[in-house]
Amino acid sequence: MCTTIADRHEFQGSAKGPDGWFTADHLYVGYDHPVHFDAEHAVSFDIVAEADGTAHRVAVELDPEAARTLGERLLAIADAADDYERTTSLHASASTNPAAR
């Protein structure tokens, strides 16, 4: 039975498919019957260029544990990126603003 668990999200980014890099603008995430993964259900996500008529697409199917690990790792990297940008921006402000020293 299909789960109908699905979500669509608009974003700005890029992805690499069989024809090379493309501008991606939508992310589809779901939990349902996989196409190529040997399991009853899988967490899947598709990175799509809808502006190109969805001709450009990268699809991934994962077991739920792998999806959780991926989510945790993505959040950890996003947090590290925020910390890096905050630190870089503070150093830049201090070096260009004598009052901040």
PDB file of N, CA and C in Angstrom:
ATOM      1  N   MET A   1       0.839  -1.176   0.000  1.00  0.00           N
ATOM      2  CA  MET A   1       0.000   0.000   0.000  1.00  0.00           C
ATOM      3  C   MET A   1       0.888   1.245   0.000  1.00  0.00           C
ATOM      4  N   CYS A   2       0.501   2.231  -0.769  1.00  0.00           N
ATOM      5  CA  CYS A   2       1.254   3.491  -0.831  1.00  0.00           C
ATOM      6  C   CYS A   2       1.047   4.280   0.460  1.00  0.00           C
ATOM      7  N   THR A   3       2.086   4.980   0.874  1.00  0.00           N
ATOM      8  CA  THR A   3       2.020   5.728   2.126  1.00  0.00           C
ATOM      9  C   THR A   3       1.471   7.141   1.942  1.00  0.00           C
ATOM     10  N   THR A   4       1.636   7.719   0.781  1.00  0.00           N
ATOM     11  CA  THR A   4       1.306   9.121   0.466  1.00  0.00           C
ATOM     12  C   THR A   4       2.056  10.117   1.356  1.00  0.00           C
ATOM     13  N   ILE A   5       3.184   9.705   1.903  1.00  0.00           N
ATOM     14  CA  ILE A   5       4.024  10.610   2.691  1.00  0.00           C
ATOM     15  C   ILE A   5       4.965  11.313   1.721  1.00  0.00           C
ATOM     16  N   ALA A   6       4.750  12.622   1.539  1.00  0.00           N
ATOM     17  CA  ALA A   6       5.554  13.371   0.561  1.00  0.00           C
ATOM     18  C   ALA A   6       5.594  14.844   0.920  1.00  0.00           C
ATOM     19  N   ASP A   7       6.661  15.496   0.487  1.00  0.00           N
ATOM     20  CA  ASP A   7       6.835  16.925   0.725  1.00  0.00           C
ATOM     21  C   ASP A   7       7.582  17.534  -0.448  1.00  0.00           C
ATOM     22  N   ARG A   8       7.274  18.764  -0.771  1.00  0.00           N
ATOM     23  CA  ARG A   8       7.938  19.510  -1.853  1.00  0.00           C
ATOM     24  C   ARG A   8       8.466  20.809  -1.265  1.00  0.00           C
ATOM     25  N   HIS A   9       9.705  21.153  -1.616  1.00  0.00           N
ATOM     26  CA  HIS A   9      10.332  22.355  -1.073  1.00  0.00           C
ATOM     27  C   HIS A   9      11.089  23.088  -2.175  1.00  0.00           C
ATOM     28  N   GLU A  10      10.891  24.384  -2.265  1.00  0.00           N
ATOM     29  CA  GLU A  10      11.616  25.208  -3.238  1.00  0.00           C
ATOM     30  C   GLU A  10      12.928  25.675  -2.604  1.00  0.00           C
ATOM     31  N   PHE A  11      14.006  25.671  -3.371  1.00  0.00           N
ATOM     32  CA  PHE A  11      15.300  26.106  -2.860  1.00  0.00           C
ATOM     33  C   PHE A  11      16.177  26.598  -4.005  1.00  0.00           C
ATOM     34  N   GLN A  12      17.341  27.093  -3.671  1.00  0.00           N
ATOM     35  CA  GLN A  12      18.330  27.508  -4.663  1.00  0.00           C
ATOM     36  C   GLN A  12      19.567  26.660  -4.483  1.00  0.00           C
ATOM     37  N   GLY A  13      20.019  26.048  -5.564  1.00  0.00           N
ATOM     38  CA  GLY A  13      21.202  25.215  -5.478  1.00  0.00           C
ATOM     39  C   GLY A  13      21.557  24.644  -6.834  1.00  0.00           C
ATOM     40  N   SER A  14      22.387  23.647  -6.808  1.00  0.00           N
ATOM     41  CA  SER A  14      22.752  22.970  -8.042  1.00  0.00           C
ATOM     42  C   SER A  14      22.983  21.503  -7.743  1.00  0.00           C
ATOM     43  N   ALA A  15      22.928  20.704  -8.781  1.00  0.00           N
ATOM     44  CA  ALA A  15      23.118  19.257  -8.654  1.00  0.00           C
ATOM     45  C   ALA A  15      23.825  18.766  -9.906  1.00  0.00           C
ATOM     46  N   LYS A  16      24.410  17.585  -9.808  1.00  0.00           N
ATOM     47  CA  LYS A  16      25.114  17.018 -10.952  1.00  0.00           C
ATOM     48  C   LYS A  16      24.408  15.740 -11.384  1.00  0.00           C
ATOM     49  N   GLY A  17      23.985  15.712 -12.625  1.00  0.00           N
ATOM     50  CA  GLY A  17      23.328  14.550 -13.208  1.00  0.00           C
ATOM     51  C   GLY A  17      24.190  13.965 -14.306  1.00  0.00           C
ATOM     52  N   PRO A  18      23.642  13.079 -15.105  1.00  0.00           N
ATOM     53  CA  PRO A  18      24.419  12.428 -16.157  1.00  0.00           C
ATOM     54  C   PRO A  18      24.931  13.380 -17.236  1.00  0.00           C
ATOM     55  N   ASP A  19      24.265  14.538 -17.375  1.00  0.00           N
ATOM     56  CA  ASP A  19      24.695  15.525 -18.371  1.00  0.00           C
ATOM     57  C   ASP A  19      25.524  16.650 -17.769  1.00  0.00           C
ATOM     58  N   GLY A  20      25.936  16.508 -16.502  1.00  0.00           N
ATOM     59  CA  GLY A  20      26.738  17.537 -15.837  1.00  0.00           C
ATOM     60  C   GLY A  20      25.905  18.338 -14.842  1.00  0.00           C
ATOM     61  N   TRP A  21      26.453  19.474 -14.431  1.00  0.00           N
ATOM     62  CA  TRP A  21      25.824  20.315 -13.410  1.00  0.00           C
ATOM     63  C   TRP A  21      24.618  21.048 -13.981  1.00  0.00           C
ATOM     64  N   PHE A  22      23.608  21.232 -13.128  1.00  0.00           N
ATOM     65  CA  PHE A  22      22.429  22.009 -13.504  1.00  0.00           C
ATOM     66  C   PHE A  22      21.922  22.792 -12.302  1.00  0.00           C
ATOM     67  N   THR A  23      21.211  23.880 -12.581  1.00  0.00           N
ATOM     68  CA  THR A  23      20.607  24.680 -11.524  1.00  0.00           C
ATOM     69  C   THR A  23      19.367  23.947 -11.027  1.00  0.00           C
ATOM     70  N   ALA A  24      19.345  23.649  -9.738  1.00  0.00           N
ATOM     71  CA  ALA A  24      18.226  22.934  -9.134  1.00  0.00           C
ATOM     72  C   ALA A  24      17.370  23.908  -8.341  1.00  0.00           C
ATOM     73  N   ASP A  25      16.058  23.677  -8.345  1.00  0.00           N
ATOM     74  CA  ASP A  25      15.170  24.617  -7.657  1.00  0.00           C
ATOM     75  C   ASP A  25      14.097  23.972  -6.784  1.00  0.00           C
ATOM     76  N   HIS A  26      13.973  22.656  -6.820  1.00  0.00           N
ATOM     77  CA  HIS A  26      12.977  21.985  -5.985  1.00  0.00           C
ATOM     78  C   HIS A  26      13.521  20.680  -5.407  1.00  0.00           C
ATOM     79  N   LEU A  27      13.072  20.387  -4.202  1.00  0.00           N
ATOM     80  CA  LEU A  27      13.424  19.150  -3.521  1.00  0.00           C
ATOM     81  C   LEU A  27      12.123  18.429  -3.185  1.00  0.00           C
ATOM     82  N   TYR A  28      12.031  17.184  -3.580  1.00  0.00           N
ATOM     83  CA  TYR A  28      10.900  16.329  -3.234  1.00  0.00           C
ATOM     84  C   TYR A  28      11.418  15.254  -2.285  1.00  0.00           C
ATOM     85  N   VAL A  29      10.733  15.083  -1.160  1.00  0.00           N
ATOM     86  CA  VAL A  29      11.122  14.079  -0.166  1.00  0.00           C
ATOM     87  C   VAL A  29       9.889  13.241   0.146  1.00  0.00           C
ATOM     88  N   GLY A  30      10.082  11.935   0.259  1.00  0.00           N
ATOM     89  CA  GLY A  30       8.944  11.089   0.555  1.00  0.00           C
ATOM     90  C   GLY A  30       9.337   9.754   1.156  1.00  0.00           C
ATOM     91  N   TYR A  31       8.328   9.008   1.530  1.00  0.00           N
ATOM     92  CA  TYR A  31       8.508   7.656   2.041  1.00  0.00           C
ATOM     93  C   TYR A  31       7.458   6.787   1.364  1.00  0.00           C
ATOM     94  N   ASP A  32       7.909   5.912   0.486  1.00  0.00           N
ATOM     95  CA  ASP A  32       6.979   5.089  -0.267  1.00  0.00           C
ATOM     96  C   ASP A  32       7.735   3.935  -0.913  1.00  0.00           C
ATOM     97  N   HIS A  33       7.106   3.243  -1.831  1.00  0.00           N
ATOM     98  CA  HIS A  33       7.745   2.134  -2.530  1.00  0.00           C
ATOM     99  C   HIS A  33       8.915   2.663  -3.363  1.00  0.00           C
ATOM    100  N   PRO A  34      10.107   2.089  -3.189  1.00  0.00           N
ATOM    101  CA  PRO A  34      11.252   2.536  -3.989  1.00  0.00           C
ATOM    102  C   PRO A  34      11.177   1.994  -5.416  1.00  0.00           C
ATOM    103  N   VAL A  35      11.920   2.623  -6.279  1.00  0.00           N
ATOM    104  CA  VAL A  35      11.996   2.186  -7.673  1.00  0.00           C
ATOM    105  C   VAL A  35      13.137   1.197  -7.849  1.00  0.00           C
ATOM    106  N   HIS A  36      14.306   1.484  -7.253  1.00  0.00           N
ATOM    107  CA  HIS A  36      15.485   0.637  -7.453  1.00  0.00           C
ATOM    108  C   HIS A  36      16.041   0.018  -6.180  1.00  0.00           C
ATOM    109  N   PHE A  37      15.671   0.515  -5.024  1.00  0.00           N
ATOM    110  CA  PHE A  37      16.171   0.018  -3.744  1.00  0.00           C
ATOM    111  C   PHE A  37      15.360  -1.207  -3.348  1.00  0.00           C
ATOM    112  N   ASP A  38      16.015  -2.273  -2.929  1.00  0.00           N
ATOM    113  CA  ASP A  38      15.334  -3.525  -2.613  1.00  0.00           C
ATOM    114  C   ASP A  38      14.766  -3.495  -1.199  1.00  0.00           C
ATOM    115  N   ALA A  39      13.597  -2.868  -1.055  1.00  0.00           N
ATOM    116  CA  ALA A  39      12.901  -2.799   0.227  1.00  0.00           C
ATOM    117  C   ALA A  39      11.427  -2.523  -0.054  1.00  0.00           C
ATOM    118  N   GLU A  40      10.598  -2.810   0.928  1.00  0.00           N
ATOM    119  CA  GLU A  40       9.164  -2.543   0.763  1.00  0.00           C
ATOM    120  C   GLU A  40       8.900  -1.041   0.645  1.00  0.00           C
ATOM    121  N   HIS A  41       9.571  -0.248   1.498  1.00  0.00           N
ATOM    122  CA  HIS A  41       9.450   1.210   1.479  1.00  0.00           C
ATOM    123  C   HIS A  41      10.842   1.814   1.656  1.00  0.00           C
ATOM    124  N   ALA A  42      10.993   3.049   1.210  1.00  0.00           N
ATOM    125  CA  ALA A  42      12.264   3.754   1.363  1.00  0.00           C
ATOM    126  C   ALA A  42      11.996   5.248   1.478  1.00  0.00           C
ATOM    127  N   VAL A  43      12.917   5.925   2.140  1.00  0.00           N
ATOM    128  CA  VAL A  43      12.914   7.383   2.137  1.00  0.00           C
ATOM    129  C   VAL A  43      13.595   7.782   0.837  1.00  0.00           C
ATOM    130  N   SER A  44      12.958   8.660   0.098  1.00  0.00           N
ATOM    131  CA  SER A  44      13.547   9.082  -1.169  1.00  0.00           C
ATOM    132  C   SER A  44      13.568  10.594  -1.248  1.00  0.00           C
ATOM    133  N   PHE A  45      14.540  11.094  -1.992  1.00  0.00           N
ATOM    134  CA  PHE A  45      14.511  12.514  -2.309  1.00  0.00           C
ATOM    135  C   PHE A  45      14.982  12.712  -3.733  1.00  0.00           C
ATOM    136  N   ASP A  46      14.359  13.686  -4.358  1.00  0.00           N
ATOM    137  CA  ASP A  46      14.675  14.054  -5.725  1.00  0.00           C
ATOM    138  C   ASP A  46      15.028  15.526  -5.741  1.00  0.00           C
ATOM    139  N   ILE A  47      16.156  15.848  -6.345  1.00  0.00           N
ATOM    140  CA  ILE A  47      16.577  17.224  -6.553  1.00  0.00           C
ATOM    141  C   ILE A  47      16.294  17.507  -8.023  1.00  0.00           C
ATOM    142  N   VAL A  48      15.457  18.511  -8.275  1.00  0.00           N
ATOM    143  CA  VAL A  48      14.894  18.710  -9.601  1.00  0.00           C
ATOM    144  C   VAL A  48      15.093  20.146 -10.073  1.00  0.00           C
ATOM    145  N   ALA A  49      15.226  20.284 -11.389  1.00  0.00           N
ATOM    146  CA  ALA A  49      15.208  21.601 -12.038  1.00  0.00           C
ATOM    147  C   ALA A  49      13.845  21.746 -12.686  1.00  0.00           C
ATOM    148  N   GLU A  50      12.857  22.234 -11.941  1.00  0.00           N
ATOM    149  CA  GLU A  50      11.517  22.361 -12.502  1.00  0.00           C
ATOM    150  C   GLU A  50      11.477  23.401 -13.612  1.00  0.00           C
ATOM    151  N   ALA A  51      12.319  24.406 -13.519  1.00  0.00           N
ATOM    152  CA  ALA A  51      12.350  25.429 -14.555  1.00  0.00           C
ATOM    153  C   ALA A  51      12.698  24.815 -15.909  1.00  0.00           C
ATOM    154  N   ASP A  52      13.392  23.684 -15.899  1.00  0.00           N
ATOM    155  CA  ASP A  52      13.758  22.981 -17.130  1.00  0.00           C
ATOM    156  C   ASP A  52      12.731  21.907 -17.489  1.00  0.00           C
ATOM    157  N   GLY A  53      11.555  21.944 -16.893  1.00  0.00           N
ATOM    158  CA  GLY A  53      10.553  20.934 -17.164  1.00  0.00           C
ATOM    159  C   GLY A  53      10.873  19.597 -16.524  1.00  0.00           C
ATOM    160  N   THR A  54      11.601  19.597 -15.402  1.00  0.00           N
ATOM    161  CA  THR A  54      12.047  18.424 -14.642  1.00  0.00           C
ATOM    162  C   THR A  54      12.898  17.449 -15.464  1.00  0.00           C
ATOM    163  N   ALA A  55      13.435  17.903 -16.581  1.00  0.00           N
ATOM    164  CA  ALA A  55      14.325  17.044 -17.373  1.00  0.00           C
ATOM    165  C   ALA A  55      15.603  16.747 -16.597  1.00  0.00           C
ATOM    166  N   HIS A  56      16.027  17.670 -15.765  1.00  0.00           N
ATOM    167  CA  HIS A  56      17.214  17.457 -14.943  1.00  0.00           C
ATOM    168  C   HIS A  56      16.777  17.043 -13.554  1.00  0.00           C
ATOM    169  N   ARG A  57      17.287  15.885 -13.105  1.00  0.00           N
ATOM    170  CA  ARG A  57      16.837  15.327 -11.836  1.00  0.00           C
ATOM    171  C   ARG A  57      17.896  14.379 -11.290  1.00  0.00           C
ATOM    172  N   VAL A  58      18.056  14.417  -9.971  1.00  0.00           N
ATOM    173  CA  VAL A  58      18.884  13.444  -9.265  1.00  0.00           C
ATOM    174  C   VAL A  58      17.983  12.818  -8.212  1.00  0.00           C
ATOM    175  N   ALA A  59      17.912  11.491  -8.190  1.00  0.00           N
ATOM    176  CA  ALA A  59      17.041  10.786  -7.249  1.00  0.00           C
ATOM    177  C   ALA A  59      17.875   9.889  -6.337  1.00  0.00           C
ATOM    178  N   VAL A  60      17.457   9.799  -5.067  1.00  0.00           N
ATOM    179  CA  VAL A  60      18.144   8.961  -4.082  1.00  0.00           C
ATOM    180  C   VAL A  60      17.084   8.208  -3.279  1.00  0.00           C
ATOM    181  N   GLU A  61      17.322   6.921  -3.022  1.00  0.00           N
ATOM    182  CA  GLU A  61      16.452   6.106  -2.178  1.00  0.00           C
ATOM    183  C   GLU A  61      17.299   5.521  -1.046  1.00  0.00           C
ATOM    184  N   LEU A  62      16.824   5.678   0.201  1.00  0.00           N
ATOM    185  CA  LEU A  62      17.576   5.245   1.381  1.00  0.00           C
ATOM    186  C   LEU A  62      16.681   4.487   2.349  1.00  0.00           C
ATOM    187  N   ASP A  63      17.304   3.619   3.155  1.00  0.00           N
ATOM    188  CA  ASP A  63      16.539   3.046   4.248  1.00  0.00           C
ATOM    189  C   ASP A  63      16.382   4.136   5.319  1.00  0.00           C
ATOM    190  N   PRO A  64      15.386   4.031   6.193  1.00  0.00           N
ATOM    191  CA  PRO A  64      15.144   5.099   7.171  1.00  0.00           C
ATOM    192  C   PRO A  64      16.357   5.447   8.039  1.00  0.00           C
ATOM    193  N   GLU A  65      17.154   4.449   8.440  1.00  0.00           N
ATOM    194  CA  GLU A  65      18.332   4.732   9.274  1.00  0.00           C
ATOM    195  C   GLU A  65      19.357   5.566   8.503  1.00  0.00           C
ATOM    196  N   ALA A  66      19.589   5.229   7.255  1.00  0.00           N
ATOM    197  CA  ALA A  66      20.521   6.012   6.436  1.00  0.00           C
ATOM    198  C   ALA A  66      19.981   7.430   6.239  1.00  0.00           C
ATOM    199  N   ALA A  67      18.661   7.561   6.089  1.00  0.00           N
ATOM    200  CA  ALA A  67      18.062   8.896   5.934  1.00  0.00           C
ATOM    201  C   ALA A  67      18.256   9.723   7.207  1.00  0.00           C
ATOM    202  N   ARG A  68      18.087   9.078   8.375  1.00  0.00           N
ATOM    203  CA  ARG A  68      18.317   9.795   9.643  1.00  0.00           C
ATOM    204  C   ARG A  68      19.773  10.245   9.758  1.00  0.00           C
ATOM    205  N   THR A  69      20.691   9.350   9.421  1.00  0.00           N
ATOM    206  CA  THR A  69      22.117   9.687   9.487  1.00  0.00           C
ATOM    207  C   THR A  69      22.425  10.841   8.543  1.00  0.00           C
ATOM    208  N   LEU A  70      21.896  10.780   7.324  1.00  0.00           N
ATOM    209  CA  LEU A  70      22.113  11.868   6.376  1.00  0.00           C
ATOM    210  C   LEU A  70      21.563  13.178   6.933  1.00  0.00           C
ATOM    211  N   GLY A  71      20.354  13.137   7.484  1.00  0.00           N
ATOM    212  CA  GLY A  71      19.763  14.348   8.063  1.00  0.00           C
ATOM    213  C   GLY A  71      20.602  14.916   9.198  1.00  0.00           C
ATOM    214  N   GLU A  72      21.073  14.048  10.085  1.00  0.00           N
ATOM    215  CA  GLU A  72      21.926  14.489  11.197  1.00  0.00           C
ATOM    216  C   GLU A  72      23.217  15.109  10.692  1.00  0.00           C
ATOM    217  N   ARG A  73      23.844  14.483   9.698  1.00  0.00           N
ATOM    218  CA  ARG A  73      25.112  14.986   9.159  1.00  0.00           C
ATOM    219  C   ARG A  73      24.906  16.317   8.444  1.00  0.00           C
ATOM    220  N   LEU A  74      23.799  16.436   7.697  1.00  0.00           N
ATOM    221  CA  LEU A  74      23.500  17.706   7.026  1.00  0.00           C
ATOM    222  C   LEU A  74      23.288  18.824   8.038  1.00  0.00           C
ATOM    223  N   LEU A  75      22.547  18.539   9.124  1.00  0.00           N
ATOM    224  CA  LEU A  75      22.325  19.549  10.162  1.00  0.00           C
ATOM    225  C   LEU A  75      23.641  19.936  10.837  1.00  0.00           C
ATOM    226  N   ALA A  76      24.507  18.964  11.103  1.00  0.00           N
ATOM    227  CA  ALA A  76      25.799  19.257  11.731  1.00  0.00           C
ATOM    228  C   ALA A  76      26.650  20.153  10.830  1.00  0.00           C
ATOM    229  N   ILE A  77      26.660  19.865   9.537  1.00  0.00           N
ATOM    230  CA  ILE A  77      27.440  20.691   8.610  1.00  0.00           C
ATOM    231  C   ILE A  77      26.829  22.084   8.494  1.00  0.00           C
ATOM    232  N   ALA A  78      25.488  22.183   8.449  1.00  0.00           N
ATOM    233  CA  ALA A  78      24.833  23.488   8.382  1.00  0.00           C
ATOM    234  C   ALA A  78      25.140  24.311   9.631  1.00  0.00           C
ATOM    235  N   ASP A  79      25.147  23.666  10.805  1.00  0.00           N
ATOM    236  CA  ASP A  79      25.507  24.367  12.051  1.00  0.00           C
ATOM    237  C   ASP A  79      26.960  24.838  12.007  1.00  0.00           C
ATOM    238  N   ALA A  80      27.864  23.991  11.530  1.00  0.00           N
ATOM    239  CA  ALA A  80      29.276  24.375  11.412  1.00  0.00           C
ATOM    240  C   ALA A  80      29.436  25.532  10.423  1.00  0.00           C
ATOM    241  N   ALA A  81      28.667  25.511   9.347  1.00  0.00           N
ATOM    242  CA  ALA A  81      28.729  26.604   8.367  1.00  0.00           C
ATOM    243  C   ALA A  81      28.257  27.911   8.996  1.00  0.00           C
ATOM    244  N   ASP A  82      27.169  27.854   9.782  1.00  0.00           N
ATOM    245  CA  ASP A  82      26.690  29.058  10.478  1.00  0.00           C
ATOM    246  C   ASP A  82      27.750  29.597  11.430  1.00  0.00           C
ATOM    247  N   ASP A  83      28.376  28.704  12.201  1.00  0.00           N
ATOM    248  CA  ASP A  83      29.436  29.116  13.127  1.00  0.00           C
ATOM    249  C   ASP A  83      30.589  29.760  12.367  1.00  0.00           C
ATOM    250  N   TYR A  84      30.988  29.148  11.272  1.00  0.00           N
ATOM    251  CA  TYR A  84      32.086  29.671  10.452  1.00  0.00           C
ATOM    252  C   TYR A  84      31.742  31.061   9.931  1.00  0.00           C
ATOM    253  N   GLU A  85      30.548  31.226   9.384  1.00  0.00           N
ATOM    254  CA  GLU A  85      30.153  32.522   8.826  1.00  0.00           C
ATOM    255  C   GLU A  85      30.058  33.586   9.908  1.00  0.00           C
ATOM    256  N   ARG A  86      29.550  33.215  11.094  1.00  0.00           N
ATOM    257  CA  ARG A  86      29.482  34.167  12.207  1.00  0.00           C
ATOM    258  C   ARG A  86      30.880  34.601  12.620  1.00  0.00           C
ATOM    259  N   THR A  87      31.785  33.644  12.757  1.00  0.00           N
ATOM    260  CA  THR A  87      33.159  33.942  13.159  1.00  0.00           C
ATOM    261  C   THR A  87      33.865  34.778  12.103  1.00  0.00           C
ATOM    262  N   THR A  88      33.718  34.411  10.847  1.00  0.00           N
ATOM    263  CA  THR A  88      34.344  35.155   9.753  1.00  0.00           C
ATOM    264  C   THR A  88      33.810  36.575   9.703  1.00  0.00           C
ATOM    265  N   SER A  89      32.519  36.730   9.879  1.00  0.00           N
ATOM    266  CA  SER A  89      31.910  38.055   9.816  1.00  0.00           C
ATOM    267  C   SER A  89      32.341  38.908  11.012  1.00  0.00           C
ATOM    268  N   LEU A  90      32.503  38.303  12.197  1.00  0.00           N
ATOM    269  CA  LEU A  90      32.973  39.050  13.365  1.00  0.00           C
ATOM    270  C   LEU A  90      34.410  39.524  13.169  1.00  0.00           C
ATOM    271  N   HIS A  91      35.269  38.652  12.612  1.00  0.00           N
ATOM    272  CA  HIS A  91      36.659  39.033  12.353  1.00  0.00           C
ATOM    273  C   HIS A  91      36.740  40.131  11.302  1.00  0.00           C
ATOM    274  N   ALA A  92      35.908  40.060  10.290  1.00  0.00           N
ATOM    275  CA  ALA A  92      35.889  41.072   9.228  1.00  0.00           C
ATOM    276  C   ALA A  92      35.429  42.403   9.798  1.00  0.00           C
ATOM    277  N   SER A  93      34.408  42.381  10.657  1.00  0.00           N
ATOM    278  CA  SER A  93      33.916  43.614  11.267  1.00  0.00           C
ATOM    279  C   SER A  93      34.968  44.238  12.169  1.00  0.00           C
ATOM    280  N   ALA A  94      35.644  43.424  12.941  1.00  0.00           N
ATOM    281  CA  ALA A  94      36.682  43.931  13.858  1.00  0.00           C
ATOM    282  C   ALA A  94      37.849  44.535  13.097  1.00  0.00           C
ATOM    283  N   SER A  95      38.215  43.948  11.978  1.00  0.00           N
ATOM    284  CA  SER A  95      39.380  44.450  11.250  1.00  0.00           C
ATOM    285  C   SER A  95      39.059  45.693  10.431  1.00  0.00           C
ATOM    286  N   THR A  96      37.787  45.936  10.096  1.00  0.00           N
ATOM    287  CA  THR A  96      37.432  47.114   9.305  1.00  0.00           C
ATOM    288  C   THR A  96      36.825  48.216  10.130  1.00  0.00           C
ATOM    289  N   ASN A  97      36.509  47.934  11.411  1.00  0.00           N
ATOM    290  CA  ASN A  97      35.888  48.919  12.262  1.00  0.00           C
ATOM    291  C   ASN A  97      36.770  49.130  13.492  1.00  0.00           C
ATOM    292  N   PRO A  98      37.526  50.239  13.516  1.00  0.00           N
ATOM    293  CA  PRO A  98      38.425  50.472  14.658  1.00  0.00           C
ATOM    294  C   PRO A  98      37.691  50.520  15.991  1.00  0.00           C
ATOM    295  N   ALA A  99      36.435  50.952  16.019  1.00  0.00           N
ATOM    296  CA  ALA A  99      35.683  51.028  17.267  1.00  0.00           C
ATOM    297  C   ALA A  99      35.368  49.643  17.805  1.00  0.00           C
ATOM    298  N   ALA A 100      35.391  48.657  16.949  1.00  0.00           N
ATOM    299  CA  ALA A 100      35.070  47.282  17.370  1.00  0.00           C
ATOM    300  C   ALA A 100      36.267  46.597  18.011  1.00  0.00           C
ATOM    301  N   ARG A 101      37.423  47.212  17.964  1.00  0.00           N
ATOM    302  CA  ARG A 101      38.633  46.597  18.533  1.00  0.00           C
ATOM    303  C   ARG A 101      38.703  46.766  20.021  1.00  0.00           C
TER     304      ARG A 101
END
